[in-house]
Amino acid sequence: MAHKVKLTIAHELDIQNVDVEFNVSVDGQAFGRLRISKGSVDWVPRNMQKSGYRMTWQEFSASMKGTGKRIP
């Protein structure tokens, strides 16, 4: 299962004013979209058009610390 992540940027962005969106695909098929903004991190799976899952940065940090694998 090879993941592919693409980011398209038209110019330098200040995250405070513009969301950044990553399109993620697996084996050539859409997997979902990761949206990063000043206030939250959103995950929109491929089977959900506009709705998805949202975490504040504090919730994201706690989730990563609780379930993520620590890296050196």
N, C-alpha and C. Protein backbone atom coordinates (compact mmCIF):
# COMPACT_ATOMS: atom_id res chain seq x y z
N MET A 1 0.85 -1.17 0.00
CA MET A 1 0.00 0.00 0.00
C MET A 1 0.89 1.23 0.00
N ALA A 2 1.05 1.86 -1.13
CA ALA A 2 1.89 3.04 -1.26
C ALA A 2 1.04 4.30 -1.22
N HIS A 3 1.28 5.16 -0.23
CA HIS A 3 0.55 6.42 -0.12
C HIS A 3 1.25 7.48 -0.97
N LYS A 4 0.45 8.33 -1.54
CA LYS A 4 0.99 9.44 -2.32
C LYS A 4 0.32 10.71 -1.80
N VAL A 5 1.13 11.70 -1.48
CA VAL A 5 0.62 12.96 -0.95
C VAL A 5 1.06 14.07 -1.88
N LYS A 6 0.12 14.90 -2.30
CA LYS A 6 0.43 16.03 -3.18
C LYS A 6 0.02 17.33 -2.54
N LEU A 7 0.84 18.34 -2.73
CA LEU A 7 0.54 19.68 -2.26
C LEU A 7 0.75 20.62 -3.44
N THR A 8 -0.25 21.42 -3.73
CA THR A 8 -0.14 22.41 -4.79
C THR A 8 -0.19 23.79 -4.16
N ILE A 9 0.85 24.58 -4.41
CA ILE A 9 0.91 25.93 -3.87
C ILE A 9 1.13 26.90 -5.02
N ALA A 10 0.26 27.88 -5.12
CA ALA A 10 0.39 28.88 -6.18
C ALA A 10 1.46 29.91 -5.82
N HIS A 11 1.64 30.17 -4.52
CA HIS A 11 2.62 31.15 -4.05
C HIS A 11 2.86 30.89 -2.57
N GLU A 12 3.76 31.65 -1.99
CA GLU A 12 4.03 31.50 -0.56
C GLU A 12 2.77 31.82 0.22
N LEU A 13 2.44 31.00 1.21
CA LEU A 13 1.20 31.16 1.96
C LEU A 13 1.47 31.43 3.43
N ASP A 14 0.67 32.29 4.00
CA ASP A 14 0.66 32.49 5.44
C ASP A 14 -0.49 31.66 5.97
N ILE A 15 -0.21 30.61 6.71
CA ILE A 15 -1.24 29.68 7.19
C ILE A 15 -2.30 30.42 8.00
N GLN A 16 -1.96 31.55 8.58
CA GLN A 16 -2.94 32.28 9.37
C GLN A 16 -4.11 32.78 8.52
N ASN A 17 -3.89 32.94 7.23
CA ASN A 17 -4.93 33.50 6.39
C ASN A 17 -5.51 32.52 5.37
N VAL A 18 -4.80 31.42 5.10
CA VAL A 18 -5.23 30.49 4.06
C VAL A 18 -5.04 29.07 4.56
N ASP A 19 -6.03 28.20 4.33
CA ASP A 19 -5.90 26.79 4.67
C ASP A 19 -4.99 26.10 3.66
N VAL A 20 -4.30 25.06 4.11
CA VAL A 20 -3.47 24.24 3.24
C VAL A 20 -4.16 22.88 3.14
N GLU A 21 -4.27 22.35 1.93
CA GLU A 21 -4.95 21.07 1.73
C GLU A 21 -4.01 20.09 1.04
N PHE A 22 -3.90 18.90 1.62
CA PHE A 22 -3.11 17.81 1.05
C PHE A 22 -4.07 16.76 0.51
N ASN A 23 -3.93 16.39 -0.75
CA ASN A 23 -4.69 15.29 -1.33
C ASN A 23 -3.86 14.02 -1.19
N VAL A 24 -4.43 13.01 -0.56
CA VAL A 24 -3.72 11.76 -0.30
C VAL A 24 -4.36 10.65 -1.11
N SER A 25 -3.52 9.88 -1.81
CA SER A 25 -4.03 8.74 -2.57
C SER A 25 -3.25 7.49 -2.18
N VAL A 26 -3.86 6.34 -2.36
CA VAL A 26 -3.24 5.04 -2.09
C VAL A 26 -3.38 4.20 -3.34
N ASP A 27 -2.25 3.75 -3.87
CA ASP A 27 -2.25 2.92 -5.08
C ASP A 27 -3.06 3.56 -6.20
N GLY A 28 -2.92 4.88 -6.35
CA GLY A 28 -3.59 5.59 -7.43
C GLY A 28 -5.04 5.95 -7.16
N GLN A 29 -5.58 5.54 -6.03
CA GLN A 29 -6.98 5.84 -5.70
C GLN A 29 -7.03 6.91 -4.61
N ALA A 30 -8.00 7.80 -4.72
CA ALA A 30 -8.17 8.83 -3.70
C ALA A 30 -8.38 8.18 -2.34
N PHE A 31 -7.68 8.69 -1.32
CA PHE A 31 -7.79 8.18 0.05
C PHE A 31 -8.48 9.22 0.94
N GLY A 32 -8.18 10.50 0.71
CA GLY A 32 -8.80 11.56 1.47
C GLY A 32 -8.04 12.86 1.34
N ARG A 33 -8.51 13.87 2.09
CA ARG A 33 -7.87 15.18 2.07
C ARG A 33 -7.56 15.60 3.50
N LEU A 34 -6.36 16.09 3.71
CA LEU A 34 -5.95 16.64 4.99
C LEU A 34 -5.91 18.15 4.85
N ARG A 35 -6.72 18.85 5.64
CA ARG A 35 -6.74 20.31 5.60
C ARG A 35 -6.14 20.85 6.90
N ILE A 36 -5.22 21.77 6.75
CA ILE A 36 -4.55 22.37 7.90
C ILE A 36 -4.84 23.86 7.89
N SER A 37 -5.30 24.36 9.02
CA SER A 37 -5.62 25.78 9.13
C SER A 37 -5.07 26.33 10.44
N LYS A 38 -5.25 27.58 10.63
CA LYS A 38 -4.78 28.25 11.84
C LYS A 38 -5.42 27.63 13.08
N GLY A 39 -6.68 27.24 12.99
CA GLY A 39 -7.40 26.78 14.17
C GLY A 39 -7.60 25.29 14.32
N SER A 40 -7.39 24.52 13.23
CA SER A 40 -7.71 23.10 13.33
C SER A 40 -7.01 22.27 12.24
N VAL A 41 -7.13 20.97 12.42
CA VAL A 41 -6.68 19.98 11.45
C VAL A 41 -7.91 19.18 11.07
N ASP A 42 -8.21 19.07 9.78
CA ASP A 42 -9.40 18.36 9.30
C ASP A 42 -8.99 17.19 8.41
N TRP A 43 -9.70 16.07 8.55
CA TRP A 43 -9.51 14.92 7.67
C TRP A 43 -10.84 14.64 6.98
N VAL A 44 -10.83 14.62 5.65
CA VAL A 44 -12.03 14.33 4.86
C VAL A 44 -11.75 13.06 4.06
N PRO A 45 -12.30 11.90 4.49
CA PRO A 45 -12.10 10.66 3.74
C PRO A 45 -12.72 10.76 2.35
N ARG A 46 -12.27 9.90 1.45
CA ARG A 46 -12.73 9.96 0.06
C ARG A 46 -14.23 9.78 -0.08
N ASN A 47 -14.85 9.03 0.83
CA ASN A 47 -16.29 8.76 0.70
C ASN A 47 -17.15 9.87 1.30
N MET A 48 -16.53 10.93 1.80
CA MET A 48 -17.27 12.06 2.37
C MET A 48 -16.91 13.30 1.55
N GLN A 49 -17.86 13.91 0.91
CA GLN A 49 -17.58 15.03 0.02
C GLN A 49 -17.17 16.29 0.77
N LYS A 50 -18.01 16.76 1.68
CA LYS A 50 -17.74 18.04 2.33
C LYS A 50 -17.56 17.90 3.84
N SER A 51 -18.18 16.92 4.44
CA SER A 51 -18.01 16.76 5.88
C SER A 51 -16.79 15.89 6.15
N GLY A 52 -16.38 15.83 7.38
CA GLY A 52 -15.21 15.04 7.73
C GLY A 52 -15.00 15.06 9.22
N TYR A 53 -13.76 15.09 9.64
CA TYR A 53 -13.39 15.06 11.04
C TYR A 53 -12.49 16.24 11.35
N ARG A 54 -12.76 16.91 12.45
CA ARG A 54 -12.00 18.11 12.82
C ARG A 54 -11.45 17.95 14.22
N MET A 55 -10.20 18.41 14.39
CA MET A 55 -9.56 18.47 15.70
C MET A 55 -8.91 19.83 15.85
N THR A 56 -8.99 20.37 17.06
CA THR A 56 -8.20 21.57 17.35
C THR A 56 -6.74 21.13 17.42
N TRP A 57 -5.84 22.08 17.42
CA TRP A 57 -4.42 21.74 17.52
C TRP A 57 -4.13 21.07 18.86
N GLN A 58 -4.82 21.46 19.92
CA GLN A 58 -4.64 20.83 21.22
C GLN A 58 -5.11 19.39 21.19
N GLU A 59 -6.26 19.13 20.55
CA GLU A 59 -6.77 17.76 20.43
C GLU A 59 -5.85 16.91 19.56
N PHE A 60 -5.34 17.50 18.49
CA PHE A 60 -4.41 16.79 17.61
C PHE A 60 -3.14 16.40 18.37
N SER A 61 -2.60 17.32 19.14
CA SER A 61 -1.40 17.05 19.93
C SER A 61 -1.65 15.91 20.91
N ALA A 62 -2.77 15.96 21.62
CA ALA A 62 -3.09 14.91 22.60
C ALA A 62 -3.28 13.57 21.91
N SER A 63 -3.93 13.56 20.74
CA SER A 63 -4.13 12.32 19.99
C SER A 63 -2.82 11.72 19.53
N MET A 64 -1.94 12.55 19.00
CA MET A 64 -0.64 12.06 18.54
C MET A 64 0.19 11.53 19.70
N LYS A 65 0.18 12.24 20.81
CA LYS A 65 0.93 11.79 21.98
C LYS A 65 0.35 10.49 22.54
N GLY A 66 -0.97 10.34 22.45
CA GLY A 66 -1.64 9.16 23.02
C GLY A 66 -1.58 7.93 22.14
N THR A 67 -1.65 8.13 20.80
CA THR A 67 -1.73 6.97 19.91
C THR A 67 -0.64 6.92 18.85
N GLY A 68 0.07 8.02 18.68
CA GLY A 68 1.14 8.04 17.68
C GLY A 68 2.38 7.29 18.16
N LYS A 69 3.23 6.95 17.22
CA LYS A 69 4.49 6.29 17.56
C LYS A 69 5.56 7.35 17.69
N ARG A 70 6.28 7.31 18.78
CA ARG A 70 7.35 8.28 19.04
C ARG A 70 8.51 8.04 18.09
N ILE A 71 9.05 9.14 17.54
CA ILE A 71 10.19 9.05 16.63
C ILE A 71 11.38 9.76 17.27
N PRO A 72 12.59 9.30 16.96
CA PRO A 72 13.77 9.93 17.57
C PRO A 72 14.03 11.31 16.98
